[in-house]
Amino acid sequence: MTDRIAYALALVLALLLAADLYAQGGAASLYLARKVAVLIDYLAFWR
């Protein structure tokens, strides 16, 4: 992955996070964070 692609992806993620915070008060980000935490716990069980 080149630097240009990494910067573009970081910009897209930042814009999506800002849009979520503006439109829904961060509800979607919180939902995804909780689901990722559950996934990490599930994967840790299988380790």
C-alpha atoms as a PDB file:
ATOM      1  CA  MET A   1       0.000   0.000   0.000  1.00  0.00           C
ATOM      2  CA  THR A   2       1.417   3.332  -0.978  1.00  0.00           C
ATOM      3  CA  ASP A   3       1.371   6.416   1.189  1.00  0.00           C
ATOM      4  CA  ARG A   4      -1.175   8.072  -1.083  1.00  0.00           C
ATOM      5  CA  ILE A   5      -3.637   5.194  -0.654  1.00  0.00           C
ATOM      6  CA  ALA A   6      -3.109   5.140   3.112  1.00  0.00           C
ATOM      7  CA  TYR A   7      -3.732   8.880   3.369  1.00  0.00           C
ATOM      8  CA  ALA A   8      -6.860   8.575   1.235  1.00  0.00           C
ATOM      9  CA  LEU A   9      -8.218   5.755   3.412  1.00  0.00           C
ATOM     10  CA  ALA A  10      -7.458   7.701   6.582  1.00  0.00           C
ATOM     11  CA  LEU A  11      -9.244  10.738   5.145  1.00  0.00           C
ATOM     12  CA  VAL A  12     -12.288   8.661   4.194  1.00  0.00           C
ATOM     13  CA  LEU A  13     -12.439   7.126   7.677  1.00  0.00           C
ATOM     14  CA  ALA A  14     -12.128  10.542   9.313  1.00  0.00           C
ATOM     15  CA  LEU A  15     -14.899  11.951   7.118  1.00  0.00           C
ATOM     16  CA  LEU A  16     -17.177   8.998   7.878  1.00  0.00           C
ATOM     17  CA  LEU A  17     -16.537   9.384  11.598  1.00  0.00           C
ATOM     18  CA  ALA A  18     -17.256  13.117  11.416  1.00  0.00           C
ATOM     19  CA  ALA A  19     -20.450  12.480   9.449  1.00  0.00           C
ATOM     20  CA  ASP A  20     -21.584   9.944  12.039  1.00  0.00           C
ATOM     21  CA  LEU A  21     -20.864  12.334  14.887  1.00  0.00           C
ATOM     22  CA  TYR A  22     -22.749  15.115  13.123  1.00  0.00           C
ATOM     23  CA  ALA A  23     -25.758  13.098  11.931  1.00  0.00           C
ATOM     24  CA  GLN A  24     -26.284  10.561  14.709  1.00  0.00           C
ATOM     25  CA  GLY A  25     -24.208  11.758  17.616  1.00  0.00           C
ATOM     26  CA  GLY A  26     -21.735   8.891  17.222  1.00  0.00           C
ATOM     27  CA  ALA A  27     -24.284   6.096  17.576  1.00  0.00           C
ATOM     28  CA  ALA A  28     -22.960   4.081  14.638  1.00  0.00           C
ATOM     29  CA  SER A  29     -19.368   4.412  15.838  1.00  0.00           C
ATOM     30  CA  LEU A  30     -20.342   3.257  19.305  1.00  0.00           C
ATOM     31  CA  TYR A  31     -22.257   0.304  17.855  1.00  0.00           C
ATOM     32  CA  LEU A  32     -19.265  -0.744  15.747  1.00  0.00           C
ATOM     33  CA  ALA A  33     -16.876  -0.330  18.683  1.00  0.00           C
ATOM     34  CA  ARG A  34     -19.049  -2.623  20.808  1.00  0.00           C
ATOM     35  CA  LYS A  35     -19.246  -5.225  18.033  1.00  0.00           C
ATOM     36  CA  VAL A  36     -15.456  -5.142  17.569  1.00  0.00           C
ATOM     37  CA  ALA A  37     -15.004  -5.646  21.325  1.00  0.00           C
ATOM     38  CA  VAL A  38     -17.269  -8.704  21.190  1.00  0.00           C
ATOM     39  CA  LEU A  39     -15.329 -10.019  18.185  1.00  0.00           C
ATOM     40  CA  ILE A  40     -12.019  -9.577  20.023  1.00  0.00           C
ATOM     41  CA  ASP A  41     -13.376 -11.478  23.019  1.00  0.00           C
ATOM     42  CA  TYR A  42     -14.609 -14.256  20.723  1.00  0.00           C
ATOM     43  CA  LEU A  43     -11.249 -14.510  18.971  1.00  0.00           C
ATOM     44  CA  ALA A  44      -9.387 -14.479  22.282  1.00  0.00           C
ATOM     45  CA  PHE A  45     -11.442 -17.502  23.343  1.00  0.00           C
ATOM     46  CA  TRP A  46     -10.201 -19.483  20.342  1.00  0.00           C
ATOM     47  CA  ARG A  47      -6.575 -18.524  20.872  1.00  0.00           C
END
